C-alpha cells in the first residue's frame, strides 16, 4: 500500500480523536502492546475463552514486531474491549497462496484431516502481494456493549497498524449477520467479499463455512484519517442490539 501522502500530523490527530471517543464509552485508559501473553489476559477479561488461531501461540511464532493490539481498560484496570493485528511479509506469495497455507495448517476438517480450501478458492486475493496485516480478536465485555466501542477500537487499530507497518492490505473476516448490520462499514473496511472460501475439505467449525472477507486499502485509510468522526453516525439501534446479543466468546470471526 503506498503511503498516499497522508500527513503524519493528520494521522496522529485522527487517532487522538478516536481515542477521545473511546474514553467517552466508560473507558479510563487505552493501551497498545505487542505482548501476546498480555493479549490473552485482556481477552479473558473481556469474556473470550481463548485467543483465535491467527494469534494463538501454540500454532504461531509471534515475535515483537509481528503483533500489535489495542485494549480499552476501565478504572479498575480491567480490559473491557480489545482488538489485535498480526503482520505477515509474504513477498513471493500472493495473499491467496498464504490463505490456502494458513487455513489448512490451522483448522481441522470435518473428516479429522486438516481443513482444505478448494483450488480455486480465494481467487479474489490472487492480485494482492507484499505484506499484509490481519485484524481480529475483537471482543467487548458485556457491560460495555451497545456503545459502538468496538467500532472505535477497530478504527484506531486500523490506523495505528497502517502507521506502524504500511502493509499492502489490512484485512479480516466477519460473519454474515455482522455484515448485514453494517459493522464492516462502521469498523472502517471498504472492501467486502461474501462467501470468501470454497472448501475441498470443510472445517469442523461450522461457523467458518460462510465467512465474509473484509479489507481496507489506502483509499480507506484516507477516508478514516479525513473523517474519523464517521464512527458517530453508526451508533445505530440495530448495531447496538446485535452487539449486545453476540456471545461473549466470539464477537468476530477468528
Protein backbone atom coordinates (compact mmCIF):
# COMPACT_ATOMS: atom_id res chain seq x y z
CA UNK A 1 0.00 0.00 0.00
CA UNK A 2 1.51 3.36 -0.97
CA UNK A 3 1.51 5.91 1.79
CA UNK A 4 -0.84 8.08 -0.25
CA UNK A 5 0.89 11.22 1.10
CA UNK A 6 -1.11 11.07 4.31
CA UNK A 7 0.24 13.76 6.59
CA UNK A 8 1.68 12.39 9.82
CA UNK A 9 0.04 15.11 11.90
CA UNK A 10 -3.37 14.39 10.35
CA UNK A 11 -2.91 10.71 11.09
CA UNK A 12 -1.97 11.48 14.70
CA UNK A 13 -4.95 13.80 15.00
CA UNK A 14 -7.36 11.13 13.74
CA UNK A 15 -6.03 8.57 16.22
CA UNK A 16 -6.26 11.12 19.05
CA UNK A 17 -9.86 11.93 18.09
CA UNK A 18 -10.80 8.25 18.10
CA UNK A 19 -9.12 7.71 21.46
CA UNK A 20 -11.14 10.60 22.88
CA UNK A 21 -14.35 8.94 21.65
CA UNK A 22 -13.25 5.63 23.19
CA UNK A 23 -12.82 7.31 26.56
CA UNK A 24 -16.38 8.61 26.32
CA UNK A 25 -17.57 4.99 26.35
CA UNK A 26 -16.69 4.39 30.01
CA UNK A 27 -13.01 3.75 29.36
CA UNK A 28 -10.29 5.07 31.67
CA UNK A 29 -7.21 4.08 29.67
CA UNK A 30 -6.28 2.99 26.14
CA UNK A 31 -3.19 0.81 25.80
CA UNK A 32 -1.27 -0.59 22.83
CA UNK A 33 1.10 -3.54 23.08
CA UNK A 34 2.98 -6.24 21.15
CA UNK A 35 2.83 -8.76 24.02
CA UNK A 36 0.80 -11.86 23.06
CA UNK A 37 0.54 -13.09 26.66
CA UNK A 38 -0.98 -9.79 27.73
CA UNK A 39 -3.40 -10.04 24.80
CA UNK A 40 -4.60 -13.40 26.08
CA UNK A 41 -5.14 -11.92 29.56
CA UNK A 42 -7.03 -8.94 28.14
CA UNK A 43 -9.30 -11.18 26.06
CA UNK A 44 -10.10 -13.31 29.09
CA UNK A 45 -11.16 -10.18 30.96
CA UNK A 46 -13.43 -9.29 28.02
CA UNK A 47 -15.13 -12.70 28.23
CA UNK A 48 -13.41 -14.66 25.45
CA UNK A 49 -12.40 -18.22 26.22
CA UNK A 50 -9.31 -18.39 24.01
CA UNK A 51 -7.20 -16.47 21.52
CA UNK A 52 -8.07 -17.22 17.89
CA UNK A 53 -5.88 -19.23 15.56
CA UNK A 54 -4.24 -16.26 13.85
CA UNK A 55 -2.70 -15.08 17.12
CA UNK A 56 -2.51 -18.28 19.16
CA UNK A 57 0.99 -19.01 20.43
CA UNK A 58 0.60 -22.78 20.18
CA UNK A 59 0.42 -22.67 16.37
CA UNK A 60 2.27 -19.42 15.54
CA UNK A 61 5.68 -17.92 16.20
CA UNK A 62 4.91 -14.30 17.06
CA UNK A 63 7.97 -12.23 17.98
CA UNK A 64 7.68 -8.50 18.75
CA UNK A 65 7.09 -6.62 15.55
CA UNK A 66 4.54 -9.12 14.23
CA UNK A 67 1.77 -8.42 16.73
CA UNK A 68 0.08 -5.15 17.64
CA UNK A 69 -3.05 -4.91 19.75
CA UNK A 70 -5.15 -2.29 21.46
CA UNK A 71 -7.04 -2.60 24.72
CA UNK A 72 -9.57 -0.32 26.41
CA UNK A 73 -9.45 -0.56 30.21
CA UNK A 74 -11.83 0.55 32.95
CA UNK A 75 -10.98 2.43 36.13
CA UNK A 76 -10.10 -0.88 37.84
CA UNK A 77 -7.53 -1.74 35.18
CA UNK A 78 -9.65 -4.48 33.63
CA UNK A 79 -9.93 -4.78 29.86
CA UNK A 80 -13.40 -4.01 28.50
CA UNK A 81 -12.63 -4.09 24.76
CA UNK A 82 -9.78 -5.34 22.65
CA UNK A 83 -8.72 -5.99 19.08
CA UNK A 84 -5.44 -7.31 17.67
CA UNK A 85 -3.41 -7.46 14.48
CA UNK A 86 -0.74 -9.70 13.03
CA UNK A 87 1.82 -8.68 10.39
CA UNK A 88 2.99 -11.04 7.64
CA UNK A 89 5.55 -10.18 4.98
CA UNK A 90 4.96 -12.84 2.34
CA UNK A 91 6.95 -11.48 -0.59
CA UNK A 92 6.93 -14.10 -3.34
CA UNK A 93 3.44 -15.31 -2.47
CA UNK A 94 0.04 -13.84 -3.15
CA UNK A 95 -2.45 -13.41 -0.36
CA UNK A 96 -4.43 -16.24 -1.95
CA UNK A 97 -1.49 -18.65 -1.52
CA UNK A 98 -0.99 -17.50 2.05
CA UNK A 99 -4.67 -18.06 2.89
CA UNK A 100 -4.57 -21.60 1.47
CA UNK A 101 -1.49 -22.42 3.54
CA UNK A 102 -2.81 -20.87 6.73
CA UNK A 103 -6.28 -22.39 6.78
CA UNK A 104 -5.00 -25.91 6.05
CA UNK A 105 -2.35 -25.67 8.75
CA UNK A 106 -4.56 -24.13 11.42
CA UNK A 107 -8.01 -25.75 11.27
CA UNK A 108 -9.15 -29.40 11.47
CA UNK A 109 -11.57 -30.65 8.84
CA UNK A 110 -14.86 -32.39 9.46
CA UNK A 111 -13.30 -35.73 8.47
CA UNK A 112 -10.48 -35.48 11.02
CA UNK A 113 -7.92 -34.41 8.45
CA UNK A 114 -6.78 -30.79 8.05
CA UNK A 115 -9.32 -28.46 6.51
CA UNK A 116 -8.52 -27.65 2.89
CA UNK A 117 -9.67 -24.90 0.60
CA UNK A 118 -10.71 -25.76 -2.94
CA UNK A 119 -8.01 -24.97 -5.55
CA UNK A 120 -9.98 -22.02 -6.94
CA UNK A 121 -10.87 -20.62 -3.52
CA UNK A 122 -9.95 -17.02 -2.68
CA UNK A 123 -9.23 -16.11 -6.31
CA UNK A 124 -10.04 -12.52 -5.39
CA UNK A 125 -6.89 -12.45 -3.23
CA UNK A 126 -4.52 -13.51 -6.03
CA UNK A 127 -3.86 -9.89 -7.03
CA UNK A 128 -2.64 -8.87 -3.58
CA UNK A 129 1.07 -9.30 -2.92
CA UNK A 130 3.67 -7.98 -0.49
CA UNK A 131 2.97 -7.53 3.21
CA UNK A 132 -0.35 -7.80 4.99
CA UNK A 133 -1.92 -7.09 8.34
CA UNK A 134 -4.67 -9.35 9.64
CA UNK A 135 -7.08 -7.87 12.18
CA UNK A 136 -9.18 -9.99 14.52
CA UNK A 137 -9.72 -10.87 18.17
CA UNK A 138 -12.44 -8.25 18.57
CA UNK A 139 -14.21 -8.51 21.91
CA UNK A 140 -16.25 -6.24 24.18
CA UNK A 141 -17.19 -7.02 27.77
CA UNK A 142 -20.95 -7.35 28.15
CA UNK A 143 -21.12 -4.33 30.46
CA UNK A 144 -19.77 -2.04 27.72
CA UNK A 145 -21.71 -3.25 24.69
CA UNK A 146 -24.14 -1.08 22.75
CA UNK A 147 -21.83 1.95 22.79
CA UNK A 148 -20.04 1.37 19.45
CA UNK A 149 -16.88 0.81 21.47
CA UNK A 150 -15.59 -2.00 19.27
CA UNK A 151 -16.08 0.12 16.16
CA UNK A 152 -13.95 2.87 17.65
CA UNK A 153 -11.29 0.42 18.81
CA UNK A 154 -11.19 -1.23 15.38
CA UNK A 155 -10.75 2.09 13.59
CA UNK A 156 -7.97 3.12 15.97
CA UNK A 157 -6.19 -0.19 15.41
CA UNK A 158 -6.51 0.05 11.63
CA UNK A 159 -4.91 3.49 11.59
CA UNK A 160 -2.14 2.58 14.03
CA UNK A 161 -1.39 -0.65 12.11
CA UNK A 162 -1.09 1.28 8.87
CA UNK A 163 1.16 3.85 10.52
CA UNK A 164 3.35 1.14 12.08
CA UNK A 165 3.71 -1.36 9.21
CA UNK A 166 2.50 0.23 5.94
CA UNK A 167 1.04 -3.12 4.75
CA UNK A 168 -0.21 -3.73 1.22
CA UNK A 169 -3.63 -4.55 2.65
CA UNK A 170 -5.31 -4.68 6.05
CA UNK A 171 -7.87 -7.48 6.17
CA UNK A 172 -10.01 -9.70 8.37
CA UNK A 173 -13.09 -11.91 8.37
CA UNK A 174 -16.60 -11.30 9.61
CA UNK A 175 -19.74 -13.38 9.83
CA UNK A 176 -22.80 -12.57 7.70
CA UNK A 177 -25.06 -11.18 10.48
CA UNK A 178 -22.45 -8.55 11.28
CA UNK A 179 -22.12 -7.61 7.62
CA UNK A 180 -25.89 -7.34 7.34
CA UNK A 181 -25.88 -4.87 10.23
CA UNK A 182 -23.19 -2.73 8.62
CA UNK A 183 -20.39 -3.50 11.04
CA UNK A 184 -17.77 -3.65 8.30
CA UNK A 185 -18.50 -0.05 7.28
CA UNK A 186 -18.68 1.05 10.90
CA UNK A 187 -15.30 -0.52 11.62
CA UNK A 188 -13.63 1.20 8.67
CA UNK A 189 -13.48 -1.52 5.99
CA UNK A 190 -14.16 -0.58 2.37
CA UNK A 191 -13.68 -3.97 0.63
CA UNK A 192 -16.12 -6.84 1.11
CA UNK A 193 -16.20 -10.32 -0.44
CA UNK A 194 -19.05 -12.61 0.62
CA UNK A 195 -18.62 -16.40 0.55
CA UNK A 196 -14.88 -15.88 0.75
CA UNK A 197 -13.99 -19.55 0.98
CA UNK A 198 -14.92 -22.64 -1.02
CA UNK A 199 -13.84 -25.86 0.64
CA UNK A 200 -12.45 -29.15 -0.62
CA UNK A 201 -12.46 -30.48 2.93
CA UNK A 202 -14.76 -28.28 5.04
CA UNK A 203 -13.67 -27.23 8.53
CA UNK A 204 -15.10 -28.92 11.59
CA UNK A 205 -16.05 -25.50 12.96
CA UNK A 206 -19.25 -24.84 11.01
CA UNK A 207 -19.41 -21.08 11.51
CA UNK A 208 -16.29 -20.79 9.36
CA UNK A 209 -18.11 -22.04 6.27
CA UNK A 210 -19.64 -18.72 5.23
CA UNK A 211 -17.09 -16.11 6.26
CA UNK A 212 -17.03 -12.68 4.64
CA UNK A 213 -13.62 -11.27 3.73
CA UNK A 214 -13.25 -7.59 4.61
CA UNK A 215 -10.31 -5.29 3.92
CA UNK A 216 -9.15 -1.72 3.67
CA UNK A 217 -6.65 -0.23 1.23
CA UNK A 218 -5.07 3.18 1.01
CA UNK A 219 -8.31 4.84 -0.10
CA UNK A 220 -9.97 3.61 3.07
CA UNK A 221 -7.09 4.89 5.17
CA UNK A 222 -7.57 8.33 3.60
CA UNK A 223 -11.26 8.14 4.49
CA UNK A 224 -10.58 7.24 8.11
CA UNK A 225 -7.97 9.96 8.50
CA UNK A 226 -10.12 12.69 6.99
CA UNK A 227 -13.42 11.60 8.52
CA UNK A 228 -12.61 9.96 11.83
CA UNK A 229 -15.90 11.26 13.24
CA UNK A 230 -17.78 8.87 10.92
CA UNK A 231 -17.94 6.44 13.82
CA UNK A 232 -20.65 8.52 15.48
CA UNK A 233 -23.44 8.17 12.86
CA UNK A 234 -23.11 4.40 13.17
CA UNK A 235 -24.33 4.35 16.76
CA UNK A 236 -27.47 2.76 15.31
CA UNK A 237 -30.01 0.79 17.29
CA UNK A 238 -29.60 -2.32 15.14
CA UNK A 239 -25.84 -2.26 15.69
CA UNK A 240 -26.23 -1.81 19.43
CA UNK A 241 -28.84 -4.56 19.66
CA UNK A 242 -26.73 -7.02 17.70
CA UNK A 243 -23.63 -6.19 19.73
CA UNK A 244 -25.49 -6.90 22.96
CA UNK A 245 -26.80 -10.21 21.62
CA UNK A 246 -23.48 -11.60 20.39
CA UNK A 247 -21.87 -14.34 22.51
CA UNK A 248 -19.04 -13.04 24.69
CA UNK A 249 -16.64 -15.64 23.30
CA UNK A 250 -16.97 -14.65 19.65
CA UNK A 251 -17.68 -11.10 18.52
CA UNK A 252 -15.68 -11.60 15.35
CA UNK A 253 -14.59 -14.45 13.13
CA UNK A 254 -11.36 -15.87 14.48
